[in-house]
Amino acid sequence: MSLRRLRNPDPPPPGKPAEQSRWIFDHPNDGSYGDGQRVVELLLAGRDQSDLSPEEVYLLARGYNWLGRYREAYETSMRNLGRAFCTEEQFRSAGVHVYNIFANDLPGFASACERCIAGGLGPAAFWHLLMADQYITLDDRFTSSLPVSWTSPNVGIGCRLTHSLGRTDAAHATPLCFHCCS
């Protein structure tokens, strides 16, 4: 007997594509590939991505993510952050997409966050915290490959994140992330 139970194989109720997409996420059938495919097809039916509202683009990125098309989820999410005011939920989702693409690639992860800062895609603090979290996550696995210090070229005179090449916890790394030199 499978531990995963199909909860709702029914189609979403009539409504706008965004409402139907949210319904699919709230009532998943398989909680992954199939539901992601349903959302992507629903949102793009007869439309181009540029025709979608910011909420629909956010939902499309989630659909790509559930579908396992992580690169498209990431790119869609980044485009959306650049075109509209975004909610906390949308920033959290964008962070997930960055993780999915650059999970074990610290230089790629840091570069992606730096591009978001340089492009003005939300508050720099969000992206710095995401980087600090990734440094902590990779600390035990890749300590020898981490730089002793990193300076953001996109924050004023320089915001230095110093990483002690040993076990680091969030209480230590987060304040370092925001130690700005004047």
C-alpha atoms as a PDB file:
ATOM      1  CA  MET A   1       0.000   0.000   0.000  1.00  0.00           C
ATOM      2  CA  SER A   2       1.348   3.390  -0.984  1.00  0.00           C
ATOM      3  CA  LEU A   3       1.910   6.025   1.700  1.00  0.00           C
ATOM      4  CA  ARG A   4       0.997   8.734  -0.819  1.00  0.00           C
ATOM      5  CA  ARG A   5      -2.709   8.993  -1.335  1.00  0.00           C
ATOM      6  CA  LEU A   6      -4.145  10.769  -4.357  1.00  0.00           C
ATOM      7  CA  ARG A   7      -6.197  13.450  -2.687  1.00  0.00           C
ATOM      8  CA  ASN A   8      -8.071  15.074  -5.510  1.00  0.00           C
ATOM      9  CA  PRO A   9      -8.022  13.767  -9.082  1.00  0.00           C
ATOM     10  CA  ASP A  10     -10.870  16.104 -10.050  1.00  0.00           C
ATOM     11  CA  PRO A  11     -10.328  19.126 -12.298  1.00  0.00           C
ATOM     12  CA  PRO A  12     -10.343  22.560 -10.673  1.00  0.00           C
ATOM     13  CA  PRO A  13     -13.678  24.364 -10.427  1.00  0.00           C
ATOM     14  CA  PRO A  14     -14.489  26.980 -13.075  1.00  0.00           C
ATOM     15  CA  GLY A  15     -12.693  30.275 -12.593  1.00  0.00           C
ATOM     16  CA  LYS A  16      -9.829  32.399 -13.772  1.00  0.00           C
ATOM     17  CA  PRO A  17      -6.556  30.585 -14.575  1.00  0.00           C
ATOM     18  CA  ALA A  18      -4.863  31.983 -11.435  1.00  0.00           C
ATOM     19  CA  GLU A  19      -7.731  30.770  -9.222  1.00  0.00           C
ATOM     20  CA  GLN A  20      -7.686  27.344 -10.850  1.00  0.00           C
ATOM     21  CA  SER A  21      -3.892  27.123 -10.495  1.00  0.00           C
ATOM     22  CA  ARG A  22      -4.058  27.991  -6.801  1.00  0.00           C
ATOM     23  CA  TRP A  23      -6.768  25.350  -6.392  1.00  0.00           C
ATOM     24  CA  ILE A  24      -4.472  22.738  -7.980  1.00  0.00           C
ATOM     25  CA  PHE A  25      -1.645  23.664  -5.584  1.00  0.00           C
ATOM     26  CA  ASP A  26      -4.049  23.614  -2.620  1.00  0.00           C
ATOM     27  CA  HIS A  27      -5.624  20.269  -3.681  1.00  0.00           C
ATOM     28  CA  PRO A  28      -2.777  18.330  -5.318  1.00  0.00           C
ATOM     29  CA  ASN A  29      -3.415  15.089  -7.090  1.00  0.00           C
ATOM     30  CA  ASP A  30       0.170  13.836  -7.112  1.00  0.00           C
ATOM     31  CA  GLY A  31       1.885  16.807  -5.444  1.00  0.00           C
ATOM     32  CA  SER A  32       4.515  17.034  -8.122  1.00  0.00           C
ATOM     33  CA  TYR A  33       5.000  16.400 -11.816  1.00  0.00           C
ATOM     34  CA  GLY A  34       1.387  15.913 -12.906  1.00  0.00           C
ATOM     35  CA  ASP A  35       0.075  18.876 -10.952  1.00  0.00           C
ATOM     36  CA  GLY A  36       2.906  21.086 -12.219  1.00  0.00           C
ATOM     37  CA  GLN A  37       2.079  20.073 -15.783  1.00  0.00           C
ATOM     38  CA  ARG A  38      -1.608  20.904 -15.202  1.00  0.00           C
ATOM     39  CA  VAL A  39      -0.734  24.383 -13.904  1.00  0.00           C
ATOM     40  CA  VAL A  40       1.707  25.173 -16.727  1.00  0.00           C
ATOM     41  CA  GLU A  41      -0.765  24.050 -19.391  1.00  0.00           C
ATOM     42  CA  LEU A  42      -3.635  25.925 -17.738  1.00  0.00           C
ATOM     43  CA  LEU A  43      -1.730  29.205 -17.463  1.00  0.00           C
ATOM     44  CA  LEU A  44      -0.167  29.098 -20.927  1.00  0.00           C
ATOM     45  CA  ALA A  45      -3.269  27.861 -22.790  1.00  0.00           C
ATOM     46  CA  GLY A  46      -3.423  30.179 -25.802  1.00  0.00           C
ATOM     47  CA  ARG A  47      -1.237  32.806 -24.115  1.00  0.00           C
ATOM     48  CA  ASP A  48       2.364  33.889 -24.061  1.00  0.00           C
ATOM     49  CA  GLN A  49       4.174  34.325 -20.752  1.00  0.00           C
ATOM     50  CA  SER A  50       4.334  38.084 -21.372  1.00  0.00           C
ATOM     51  CA  ASP A  51       0.503  38.163 -21.333  1.00  0.00           C
ATOM     52  CA  LEU A  52       0.304  36.788 -17.784  1.00  0.00           C
ATOM     53  CA  SER A  53      -0.294  38.875 -14.679  1.00  0.00           C
ATOM     54  CA  PRO A  54       2.461  38.946 -12.005  1.00  0.00           C
ATOM     55  CA  GLU A  55       0.428  36.477  -9.897  1.00  0.00           C
ATOM     56  CA  GLU A  56       0.063  34.135 -12.871  1.00  0.00           C
ATOM     57  CA  VAL A  57       3.796  34.335 -13.605  1.00  0.00           C
ATOM     58  CA  TYR A  58       4.495  33.453  -9.972  1.00  0.00           C
ATOM     59  CA  LEU A  59       2.140  30.464 -10.257  1.00  0.00           C
ATOM     60  CA  LEU A  60       3.757  29.473 -13.560  1.00  0.00           C
ATOM     61  CA  ALA A  61       7.182  29.415 -11.874  1.00  0.00           C
ATOM     62  CA  ARG A  62       5.743  27.177  -9.140  1.00  0.00           C
ATOM     63  CA  GLY A  63       4.257  24.933 -11.817  1.00  0.00           C
ATOM     64  CA  TYR A  64       7.622  24.637 -13.581  1.00  0.00           C
ATOM     65  CA  ASN A  65       9.207  23.814 -10.226  1.00  0.00           C
ATOM     66  CA  TRP A  66       6.693  21.045  -9.490  1.00  0.00           C
ATOM     67  CA  LEU A  67       7.191  19.795 -13.031  1.00  0.00           C
ATOM     68  CA  GLY A  68      10.926  19.464 -12.389  1.00  0.00           C
ATOM     69  CA  ARG A  69      11.843  22.170 -14.912  1.00  0.00           C
ATOM     70  CA  TYR A  70      13.975  24.044 -12.388  1.00  0.00           C
ATOM     71  CA  ARG A  71      15.836  26.286 -14.825  1.00  0.00           C
ATOM     72  CA  GLU A  72      12.547  27.562 -16.285  1.00  0.00           C
ATOM     73  CA  ALA A  73      11.144  28.038 -12.774  1.00  0.00           C
ATOM     74  CA  TYR A  74      14.206  30.086 -11.818  1.00  0.00           C
ATOM     75  CA  GLU A  75      14.189  32.237 -14.973  1.00  0.00           C
ATOM     76  CA  THR A  76      10.424  32.821 -14.776  1.00  0.00           C
ATOM     77  CA  SER A  77      10.658  33.778 -11.121  1.00  0.00           C
ATOM     78  CA  MET A  78      13.510  36.230 -11.738  1.00  0.00           C
ATOM     79  CA  ARG A  79      11.621  37.915 -14.584  1.00  0.00           C
ATOM     80  CA  ASN A  80       8.605  38.303 -12.329  1.00  0.00           C
ATOM     81  CA  LEU A  81      10.633  39.887  -9.515  1.00  0.00           C
ATOM     82  CA  GLY A  82      11.811  42.505 -11.970  1.00  0.00           C
ATOM     83  CA  ARG A  83       8.421  43.534 -13.279  1.00  0.00           C
ATOM     84  CA  ALA A  84       6.142  43.950 -10.284  1.00  0.00           C
ATOM     85  CA  PHE A  85       5.927  44.493  -6.559  1.00  0.00           C
ATOM     86  CA  CYS A  86       6.329  41.052  -5.032  1.00  0.00           C
ATOM     87  CA  THR A  87       4.954  39.482  -1.916  1.00  0.00           C
ATOM     88  CA  GLU A  88       6.900  37.667   0.759  1.00  0.00           C
ATOM     89  CA  GLU A  89       5.532  34.408  -0.671  1.00  0.00           C
ATOM     90  CA  GLN A  90       6.965  35.266  -4.089  1.00  0.00           C
ATOM     91  CA  PHE A  91      10.397  36.042  -2.610  1.00  0.00           C
ATOM     92  CA  ARG A  92      10.410  32.766  -0.667  1.00  0.00           C
ATOM     93  CA  SER A  93       9.506  30.957  -3.880  1.00  0.00           C
ATOM     94  CA  ALA A  94      12.296  32.758  -5.781  1.00  0.00           C
ATOM     95  CA  GLY A  95      14.722  31.633  -3.075  1.00  0.00           C
ATOM     96  CA  VAL A  96      13.603  28.033  -3.577  1.00  0.00           C
ATOM     97  CA  HIS A  97      14.220  28.339  -7.310  1.00  0.00           C
ATOM     98  CA  VAL A  98      17.749  29.661  -6.712  1.00  0.00           C
ATOM     99  CA  TYR A  99      18.417  26.728  -4.351  1.00  0.00           C
ATOM    100  CA  ASN A 100      17.109  24.217  -6.886  1.00  0.00           C
ATOM    101  CA  ILE A 101      19.461  25.464  -9.595  1.00  0.00           C
ATOM    102  CA  PHE A 102      22.598  26.094  -7.515  1.00  0.00           C
ATOM    103  CA  ALA A 103      22.205  23.647  -4.607  1.00  0.00           C
ATOM    104  CA  ASN A 104      25.861  22.557  -4.434  1.00  0.00           C
ATOM    105  CA  ASP A 105      27.422  25.328  -6.509  1.00  0.00           C
ATOM    106  CA  LEU A 106      28.361  28.097  -4.084  1.00  0.00           C
ATOM    107  CA  PRO A 107      29.999  30.370  -6.693  1.00  0.00           C
ATOM    108  CA  GLY A 108      26.959  29.984  -8.972  1.00  0.00           C
ATOM    109  CA  PHE A 109      24.609  30.559  -6.041  1.00  0.00           C
ATOM    110  CA  ALA A 110      26.447  33.707  -4.950  1.00  0.00           C
ATOM    111  CA  SER A 111      26.572  34.985  -8.553  1.00  0.00           C
ATOM    112  CA  ALA A 112      22.826  34.452  -8.978  1.00  0.00           C
ATOM    113  CA  CYS A 113      22.137  36.386  -5.779  1.00  0.00           C
ATOM    114  CA  GLU A 114      24.555  39.128  -6.843  1.00  0.00           C
ATOM    115  CA  ARG A 115      22.752  39.463 -10.197  1.00  0.00           C
ATOM    116  CA  CYS A 116      19.476  39.893  -8.289  1.00  0.00           C
ATOM    117  CA  ILE A 117      21.026  42.601  -6.108  1.00  0.00           C
ATOM    118  CA  ALA A 118      22.569  44.364  -9.122  1.00  0.00           C
ATOM    119  CA  GLY A 119      19.262  44.170 -10.982  1.00  0.00           C
ATOM    120  CA  GLY A 120      17.344  45.632  -8.052  1.00  0.00           C
ATOM    121  CA  LEU A 121      15.202  42.508  -7.729  1.00  0.00           C
ATOM    122  CA  GLY A 122      13.978  43.125  -4.217  1.00  0.00           C
ATOM    123  CA  PRO A 123      15.840  44.105  -1.085  1.00  0.00           C
ATOM    124  CA  ALA A 124      19.553  43.310  -1.060  1.00  0.00           C
ATOM    125  CA  ALA A 125      19.153  42.045   2.519  1.00  0.00           C
ATOM    126  CA  PHE A 126      16.972  39.171   1.285  1.00  0.00           C
ATOM    127  CA  TRP A 127      19.649  37.983  -1.134  1.00  0.00           C
ATOM    128  CA  HIS A 128      22.442  38.437   1.429  1.00  0.00           C
ATOM    129  CA  LEU A 129      20.544  36.320   3.952  1.00  0.00           C
ATOM    130  CA  LEU A 130      19.998  33.674   1.284  1.00  0.00           C
ATOM    131  CA  MET A 131      23.753  33.630   0.629  1.00  0.00           C
ATOM    132  CA  ALA A 132      24.557  33.449   4.345  1.00  0.00           C
ATOM    133  CA  ASP A 133      22.156  30.538   4.685  1.00  0.00           C
ATOM    134  CA  GLN A 134      23.841  28.756   1.786  1.00  0.00           C
ATOM    135  CA  TYR A 135      27.294  29.296   3.311  1.00  0.00           C
ATOM    136  CA  ILE A 136      26.027  27.681   6.502  1.00  0.00           C
ATOM    137  CA  THR A 137      24.362  24.828   4.631  1.00  0.00           C
ATOM    138  CA  LEU A 138      27.483  24.004   2.647  1.00  0.00           C
ATOM    139  CA  ASP A 139      29.884  24.614   5.554  1.00  0.00           C
ATOM    140  CA  ASP A 140      30.265  20.996   6.594  1.00  0.00           C
ATOM    141  CA  ARG A 141      30.369  19.623   3.067  1.00  0.00           C
ATOM    142  CA  PHE A 142      32.646  22.091   1.296  1.00  0.00           C
ATOM    143  CA  THR A 143      34.642  23.948   3.927  1.00  0.00           C
ATOM    144  CA  SER A 144      37.887  23.793   2.013  1.00  0.00           C
ATOM    145  CA  SER A 145      36.350  25.421  -1.078  1.00  0.00           C
ATOM    146  CA  LEU A 146      34.805  28.422   0.671  1.00  0.00           C
ATOM    147  CA  PRO A 147      36.595  31.753   0.424  1.00  0.00           C
ATOM    148  CA  VAL A 148      37.857  33.289   3.624  1.00  0.00           C
ATOM    149  CA  SER A 149      35.934  36.443   2.821  1.00  0.00           C
ATOM    150  CA  TRP A 150      33.620  37.695   0.155  1.00  0.00           C
ATOM    151  CA  THR A 151      32.851  41.293  -0.709  1.00  0.00           C
ATOM    152  CA  SER A 152      29.716  42.266  -2.559  1.00  0.00           C
ATOM    153  CA  PRO A 153      30.471  44.664  -5.413  1.00  0.00           C
ATOM    154  CA  ASN A 154      26.837  45.791  -5.335  1.00  0.00           C
ATOM    155  CA  VAL A 155      26.481  47.265  -1.855  1.00  0.00           C
ATOM    156  CA  GLY A 156      27.968  50.717  -1.438  1.00  0.00           C
ATOM    157  CA  ILE A 157      31.557  50.694  -0.290  1.00  0.00           C
ATOM    158  CA  GLY A 158      31.344  46.981   0.435  1.00  0.00           C
ATOM    159  CA  CYS A 159      29.458  44.566   2.591  1.00  0.00           C
ATOM    160  CA  ARG A 160      31.843  41.906   3.778  1.00  0.00           C
ATOM    161  CA  LEU A 161      30.764  38.389   4.661  1.00  0.00           C
ATOM    162  CA  THR A 162      33.577  36.680   6.477  1.00  0.00           C
ATOM    163  CA  HIS A 163      33.339  32.937   6.741  1.00  0.00           C
ATOM    164  CA  SER A 164      35.352  31.163   9.401  1.00  0.00           C
ATOM    165  CA  LEU A 165      36.538  28.029   7.684  1.00  0.00           C
ATOM    166  CA  GLY A 166      35.021  25.832  10.331  1.00  0.00           C
ATOM    167  CA  ARG A 167      31.591  25.047  11.723  1.00  0.00           C
ATOM    168  CA  THR A 168      29.479  28.237  11.584  1.00  0.00           C
ATOM    169  CA  ASP A 169      25.963  28.674  12.890  1.00  0.00           C
ATOM    170  CA  ALA A 170      23.259  31.121  11.855  1.00  0.00           C
ATOM    171  CA  ALA A 171      23.790  33.312  14.909  1.00  0.00           C
ATOM    172  CA  HIS A 172      27.379  33.903  13.789  1.00  0.00           C
ATOM    173  CA  ALA A 173      26.904  34.195  10.009  1.00  0.00           C
ATOM    174  CA  THR A 174      23.854  36.449   9.818  1.00  0.00           C
ATOM    175  CA  PRO A 175      25.376  39.471  11.621  1.00  0.00           C
ATOM    176  CA  LEU A 176      28.486  39.106   9.458  1.00  0.00           C
ATOM    177  CA  CYS A 177      26.313  39.268   6.388  1.00  0.00           C
ATOM    178  CA  PHE A 178      25.210  42.789   7.338  1.00  0.00           C
ATOM    179  CA  HIS A 179      28.454  44.149   8.697  1.00  0.00           C
ATOM    180  CA  CYS A 180      28.866  47.069   6.331  1.00  0.00           C
ATOM    181  CA  CYS A 181      32.084  48.976   6.154  1.00  0.00           C
ATOM    182  CA  SER A 182      31.841  52.746   6.012  1.00  0.00           C
END
